[in-house]
PDB file of N, CA and C in Angstrom:
ATOM      1  N   UNK A   1     -35.072 150.455 152.408  1.00  0.00           N
ATOM      2  CA  UNK A   1     -34.333 151.214 153.365  1.00  0.00           C
ATOM      3  C   UNK A   1     -35.073 152.515 153.682  1.00  0.00           C
ATOM      4  N   UNK A   2     -35.574 153.161 152.653  1.00  0.00           N
ATOM      5  CA  UNK A   2     -36.302 154.405 152.861  1.00  0.00           C
ATOM      6  C   UNK A   2     -37.570 154.158 153.673  1.00  0.00           C
ATOM      7  N   UNK A   3     -38.252 153.072 153.386  1.00  0.00           N
ATOM      8  CA  UNK A   3     -39.486 152.760 154.108  1.00  0.00           C
ATOM      9  C   UNK A   3     -39.196 152.507 155.586  1.00  0.00           C
ATOM     10  N   UNK A   4     -38.095 151.827 155.878  1.00  0.00           N
ATOM     11  CA  UNK A   4     -37.714 151.576 157.268  1.00  0.00           C
ATOM     12  C   UNK A   4     -37.376 152.884 157.982  1.00  0.00           C
ATOM     13  N   UNK A   5     -36.708 153.781 157.275  1.00  0.00           N
ATOM     14  CA  UNK A   5     -36.383 155.081 157.861  1.00  0.00           C
ATOM     15  C   UNK A   5     -37.655 155.859 158.184  1.00  0.00           C
ATOM     16  N   UNK A   6     -38.578 155.882 157.234  1.00  0.00           N
ATOM     17  CA  UNK A   6     -39.838 156.589 157.460  1.00  0.00           C
ATOM     18  C   UNK A   6     -40.614 155.970 158.619  1.00  0.00           C
ATOM     19  N   UNK A   7     -40.619 154.644 158.695  1.00  0.00           N
ATOM     20  CA  UNK A   7     -41.314 153.947 159.779  1.00  0.00           C
ATOM     21  C   UNK A   7     -40.689 154.294 161.131  1.00  0.00           C
ATOM     22  N   UNK A   8     -39.354 154.378 161.176  1.00  0.00           N
ATOM     23  CA  UNK A   8     -38.665 154.734 162.415  1.00  0.00           C
ATOM     24  C   UNK A   8     -39.005 156.158 162.847  1.00  0.00           C
ATOM     25  N   UNK A   9     -39.288 157.013 161.874  1.00  0.00           N
ATOM     26  CA  UNK A   9     -39.673 158.390 162.178  1.00  0.00           C
ATOM     27  C   UNK A   9     -41.154 158.514 162.520  1.00  0.00           C
ATOM     28  N   UNK A  10     -41.891 157.417 162.417  1.00  0.00           N
ATOM     29  CA  UNK A  10     -43.302 157.430 162.756  1.00  0.00           C
ATOM     30  C   UNK A  10     -44.223 157.675 161.578  1.00  0.00           C
ATOM     31  N   UNK A  11     -43.679 157.611 160.366  1.00  0.00           N
ATOM     32  CA  UNK A  11     -44.472 157.826 159.157  1.00  0.00           C
ATOM     33  C   UNK A  11     -44.742 156.466 158.526  1.00  0.00           C
ATOM     34  N   UNK A  12     -46.000 156.083 158.432  1.00  0.00           N
ATOM     35  CA  UNK A  12     -46.369 154.796 157.850  1.00  0.00           C
ATOM     36  C   UNK A  12     -46.819 155.038 156.412  1.00  0.00           C
ATOM     37  N   UNK A  13     -46.060 154.467 155.465  1.00  0.00           N
ATOM     38  CA  UNK A  13     -46.327 154.656 154.040  1.00  0.00           C
ATOM     39  C   UNK A  13     -46.322 153.284 153.377  1.00  0.00           C
ATOM     40  N   UNK A  14     -47.260 153.017 152.471  1.00  0.00           N
ATOM     41  CA  UNK A  14     -47.244 151.742 151.760  1.00  0.00           C
ATOM     42  C   UNK A  14     -45.985 151.585 150.904  1.00  0.00           C
ATOM     43  N   UNK A  15     -45.538 150.363 150.766  1.00  0.00           N
ATOM     44  CA  UNK A  15     -44.333 150.058 149.999  1.00  0.00           C
ATOM     45  C   UNK A  15     -44.446 150.543 148.554  1.00  0.00           C
ATOM     46  N   UNK A  16     -45.621 150.352 147.970  1.00  0.00           N
ATOM     47  CA  UNK A  16     -45.838 150.767 146.579  1.00  0.00           C
ATOM     48  C   UNK A  16     -45.652 152.275 146.422  1.00  0.00           C
ATOM     49  N   UNK A  17     -46.140 153.038 147.386  1.00  0.00           N
ATOM     50  CA  UNK A  17     -46.033 154.497 147.302  1.00  0.00           C
ATOM     51  C   UNK A  17     -44.589 154.958 147.425  1.00  0.00           C
ATOM     52  N   UNK A  18     -43.818 154.329 148.294  1.00  0.00           N
ATOM     53  CA  UNK A  18     -42.400 154.671 148.432  1.00  0.00           C
ATOM     54  C   UNK A  18     -41.669 154.356 147.135  1.00  0.00           C
ATOM     55  N   UNK A  19     -41.947 153.183 146.549  1.00  0.00           N
ATOM     56  CA  UNK A  19     -41.298 152.794 145.292  1.00  0.00           C
ATOM     57  C   UNK A  19     -41.639 153.772 144.172  1.00  0.00           C
ATOM     58  N   UNK A  20     -42.906 154.147 144.047  1.00  0.00           N
ATOM     59  CA  UNK A  20     -43.320 155.089 143.005  1.00  0.00           C
ATOM     60  C   UNK A  20     -42.683 156.461 143.204  1.00  0.00           C
ATOM     61  N   UNK A  21     -42.601 156.908 144.446  1.00  0.00           N
ATOM     62  CA  UNK A  21     -42.013 158.215 144.729  1.00  0.00           C
ATOM     63  C   UNK A  21     -40.526 158.231 144.421  1.00  0.00           C
ATOM     64  N   UNK A  22     -39.807 157.195 144.828  1.00  0.00           N
ATOM     65  CA  UNK A  22     -38.376 157.135 144.524  1.00  0.00           C
ATOM     66  C   UNK A  22     -38.141 157.077 143.021  1.00  0.00           C
ATOM     67  N   UNK A  23     -39.003 156.374 142.302  1.00  0.00           N
ATOM     68  CA  UNK A  23     -38.876 156.296 140.849  1.00  0.00           C
ATOM     69  C   UNK A  23     -39.165 157.653 140.211  1.00  0.00           C
ATOM     70  N   UNK A  24     -40.109 158.408 140.766  1.00  0.00           N
ATOM     71  CA  UNK A  24     -40.447 159.724 140.234  1.00  0.00           C
ATOM     72  C   UNK A  24     -39.329 160.726 140.499  1.00  0.00           C
ATOM     73  N   UNK A  25     -38.695 160.647 141.679  1.00  0.00           N
ATOM     74  CA  UNK A  25     -37.654 161.602 142.054  1.00  0.00           C
ATOM     75  C   UNK A  25     -36.369 161.352 141.275  1.00  0.00           C
ATOM     76  N   UNK A  26     -35.930 160.097 141.204  1.00  0.00           N
ATOM     77  CA  UNK A  26     -34.657 159.775 140.540  1.00  0.00           C
ATOM     78  C   UNK A  26     -34.809 158.484 139.742  1.00  0.00           C
ATOM     79  N   UNK A  27     -35.369 158.566 138.531  1.00  0.00           N
ATOM     80  CA  UNK A  27     -35.605 157.345 137.755  1.00  0.00           C
ATOM     81  C   UNK A  27     -34.324 156.617 137.351  1.00  0.00           C
ATOM     82  N   UNK A  28     -33.221 157.342 137.167  1.00  0.00           N
ATOM     83  CA  UNK A  28     -31.967 156.688 136.775  1.00  0.00           C
ATOM     84  C   UNK A  28     -31.456 155.787 137.897  1.00  0.00           C
ATOM     85  N   UNK A  29     -31.487 156.273 139.125  1.00  0.00           N
ATOM     86  CA  UNK A  29     -31.024 155.465 140.257  1.00  0.00           C
ATOM     87  C   UNK A  29     -31.953 154.280 140.492  1.00  0.00           C
ATOM     88  N   UNK A  30     -33.253 154.488 140.303  1.00  0.00           N
ATOM     89  CA  UNK A  30     -34.203 153.389 140.471  1.00  0.00           C
ATOM     90  C   UNK A  30     -33.955 152.310 139.425  1.00  0.00           C
ATOM     91  N   UNK A  31     -33.693 152.720 138.186  1.00  0.00           N
ATOM     92  CA  UNK A  31     -33.403 151.752 137.125  1.00  0.00           C
ATOM     93  C   UNK A  31     -32.117 150.992 137.428  1.00  0.00           C
ATOM     94  N   UNK A  32     -31.125 151.673 137.982  1.00  0.00           N
ATOM     95  CA  UNK A  32     -29.867 151.014 138.341  1.00  0.00           C
ATOM     96  C   UNK A  32     -30.099 149.977 139.436  1.00  0.00           C
ATOM     97  N   UNK A  33     -30.902 150.309 140.433  1.00  0.00           N
ATOM     98  CA  UNK A  33     -31.189 149.350 141.507  1.00  0.00           C
ATOM     99  C   UNK A  33     -31.914 148.130 140.963  1.00  0.00           C
ATOM    100  N   UNK A  34     -32.875 148.340 140.073  1.00  0.00           N
ATOM    101  CA  UNK A  34     -33.638 147.218 139.524  1.00  0.00           C
ATOM    102  C   UNK A  34     -32.793 146.368 138.589  1.00  0.00           C
ATOM    103  N   UNK A  35     -31.799 146.966 137.934  1.00  0.00           N
ATOM    104  CA  UNK A  35     -30.960 146.179 137.026  1.00  0.00           C
ATOM    105  C   UNK A  35     -30.026 145.254 137.791  1.00  0.00           C
ATOM    106  N   UNK A  36     -29.772 145.555 139.048  1.00  0.00           N
ATOM    107  CA  UNK A  36     -28.879 144.732 139.860  1.00  0.00           C
ATOM    108  C   UNK A  36     -29.633 143.685 140.671  1.00  0.00           C
ATOM    109  N   UNK A  37     -30.922 143.549 140.445  1.00  0.00           N
ATOM    110  CA  UNK A  37     -31.721 142.567 141.181  1.00  0.00           C
ATOM    111  C   UNK A  37     -31.331 141.154 140.755  1.00  0.00           C
ATOM    112  N   UNK A  38     -31.391 140.234 141.676  1.00  0.00           N
ATOM    113  CA  UNK A  38     -31.043 138.844 141.408  1.00  0.00           C
ATOM    114  C   UNK A  38     -32.217 138.163 140.712  1.00  0.00           C
ATOM    115  N   UNK A  39     -31.938 137.542 139.591  1.00  0.00           N
ATOM    116  CA  UNK A  39     -32.990 136.827 138.864  1.00  0.00           C
ATOM    117  C   UNK A  39     -33.291 135.513 139.580  1.00  0.00           C
ATOM    118  N   UNK A  40     -34.538 135.250 139.814  1.00  0.00           N
ATOM    119  CA  UNK A  40     -34.947 134.016 140.483  1.00  0.00           C
ATOM    120  C   UNK A  40     -35.151 132.917 139.463  1.00  0.00           C
ATOM    121  N   UNK A  41     -34.893 131.696 139.865  1.00  0.00           N
ATOM    122  CA  UNK A  41     -35.084 130.552 138.977  1.00  0.00           C
ATOM    123  C   UNK A  41     -36.524 130.080 139.024  1.00  0.00           C
ATOM    124  N   UNK A  42     -36.953 129.484 137.941  1.00  0.00           N
ATOM    125  CA  UNK A  42     -38.256 128.842 137.899  1.00  0.00           C
ATOM    126  C   UNK A  42     -38.028 127.348 137.985  1.00  0.00           C
ATOM    127  N   UNK A  43     -38.627 126.724 138.976  1.00  0.00           N
ATOM    128  CA  UNK A  43     -38.447 125.296 139.174  1.00  0.00           C
ATOM    129  C   UNK A  43     -39.698 124.550 138.742  1.00  0.00           C
ATOM    130  N   UNK A  44     -39.488 123.388 138.186  1.00  0.00           N
ATOM    131  CA  UNK A  44     -40.586 122.463 137.961  1.00  0.00           C
ATOM    132  C   UNK A  44     -40.299 121.250 138.816  1.00  0.00           C
ATOM    133  N   UNK A  45     -41.207 120.910 139.684  1.00  0.00           N
ATOM    134  CA  UNK A  45     -41.071 119.722 140.520  1.00  0.00           C
ATOM    135  C   UNK A  45     -42.347 118.904 140.378  1.00  0.00           C
ATOM    136  N   UNK A  46     -42.239 117.589 140.444  1.00  0.00           N
ATOM    137  CA  UNK A  46     -43.413 116.751 140.222  1.00  0.00           C
ATOM    138  C   UNK A  46     -44.485 116.886 141.301  1.00  0.00           C
ATOM    139  N   UNK A  47     -44.082 117.167 142.531  1.00  0.00           N
ATOM    140  CA  UNK A  47     -45.063 117.335 143.603  1.00  0.00           C
ATOM    141  C   UNK A  47     -44.438 118.178 144.713  1.00  0.00           C
ATOM    142  N   UNK A  48     -45.250 118.738 145.601  1.00  0.00           N
ATOM    143  CA  UNK A  48     -44.720 119.591 146.667  1.00  0.00           C
ATOM    144  C   UNK A  48     -43.710 118.849 147.546  1.00  0.00           C
ATOM    145  N   UNK A  49     -42.781 119.589 148.061  1.00  0.00           N
ATOM    146  CA  UNK A  49     -41.726 119.087 148.954  1.00  0.00           C
ATOM    147  C   UNK A  49     -40.757 118.130 148.269  1.00  0.00           C
ATOM    148  N   UNK A  50     -40.704 118.127 146.946  1.00  0.00           N
ATOM    149  CA  UNK A  50     -39.753 117.245 146.275  1.00  0.00           C
ATOM    150  C   UNK A  50     -38.428 117.945 145.983  1.00  0.00           C
ATOM    151  N   UNK A  51     -38.332 119.217 146.276  1.00  0.00           N
ATOM    152  CA  UNK A  51     -37.098 119.960 146.056  1.00  0.00           C
ATOM    153  C   UNK A  51     -36.747 120.701 147.341  1.00  0.00           C
ATOM    154  N   UNK A  52     -35.576 120.420 147.881  1.00  0.00           N
ATOM    155  CA  UNK A  52     -35.120 121.083 149.088  1.00  0.00           C
ATOM    156  C   UNK A  52     -33.727 121.633 148.850  1.00  0.00           C
ATOM    157  N   UNK A  53     -33.438 122.779 149.440  1.00  0.00           N
ATOM    158  CA  UNK A  53     -32.110 123.375 149.367  1.00  0.00           C
ATOM    159  C   UNK A  53     -31.442 123.236 150.726  1.00  0.00           C
ATOM    160  N   UNK A  54     -30.195 122.848 150.733  1.00  0.00           N
ATOM    161  CA  UNK A  54     -29.424 122.750 151.966  1.00  0.00           C
ATOM    162  C   UNK A  54     -28.871 124.138 152.266  1.00  0.00           C
ATOM    163  N   UNK A  55     -29.126 124.648 153.460  1.00  0.00           N
ATOM    164  CA  UNK A  55     -28.710 126.007 153.785  1.00  0.00           C
ATOM    165  C   UNK A  55     -27.515 126.072 154.731  1.00  0.00           C
ATOM    166  N   UNK A  56     -26.856 124.971 154.989  1.00  0.00           N
ATOM    167  CA  UNK A  56     -25.655 125.006 155.809  1.00  0.00           C
ATOM    168  C   UNK A  56     -25.893 124.715 157.278  1.00  0.00           C
ATOM    169  N   UNK A  57     -27.109 124.447 157.688  1.00  0.00           N
ATOM    170  CA  UNK A  57     -27.389 124.157 159.086  1.00  0.00           C
ATOM    171  C   UNK A  57     -27.440 122.647 159.320  1.00  0.00           C
ATOM    172  N   UNK A  58     -26.440 121.954 158.822  1.00  0.00           N
ATOM    173  CA  UNK A  58     -26.399 120.502 158.950  1.00  0.00           C
ATOM    174  C   UNK A  58     -26.175 120.075 160.396  1.00  0.00           C
ATOM    175  N   UNK A  59     -25.650 120.972 161.233  1.00  0.00           N
ATOM    176  CA  UNK A  59     -25.418 120.604 162.630  1.00  0.00           C
ATOM    177  C   UNK A  59     -26.721 120.345 163.375  1.00  0.00           C
ATOM    178  N   UNK A  60     -27.836 120.826 162.836  1.00  0.00           N
ATOM    179  CA  UNK A  60     -29.122 120.618 163.486  1.00  0.00           C
ATOM    180  C   UNK A  60     -29.647 119.205 163.276  1.00  0.00           C
ATOM    181  N   UNK A  61     -29.116 118.505 162.270  1.00  0.00           N
ATOM    182  CA  UNK A  61     -29.556 117.144 161.977  1.00  0.00           C
ATOM    183  C   UNK A  61     -28.706 116.186 162.799  1.00  0.00           C
ATOM    184  N   UNK A  62     -29.336 115.310 163.571  1.00  0.00           N
ATOM    185  CA  UNK A  62     -28.576 114.369 164.398  1.00  0.00           C
ATOM    186  C   UNK A  62     -28.929 112.966 164.045  1.00  0.00           C
TER     187      UNK A  62
END
């Protein structure tokens, strides 16, 4: 969100630099944001394209 705000103001900053700066300014809030991150699953599939997720756009299939 901060990076988008800076970009809208015409300031181009790398994502890593914004993250480091926010962590330096308020480490407690940064830790809280990271603790609420969604854990991703690790999948094992025998070959590519063998696992698909249905996203609710079944109306597109005819």
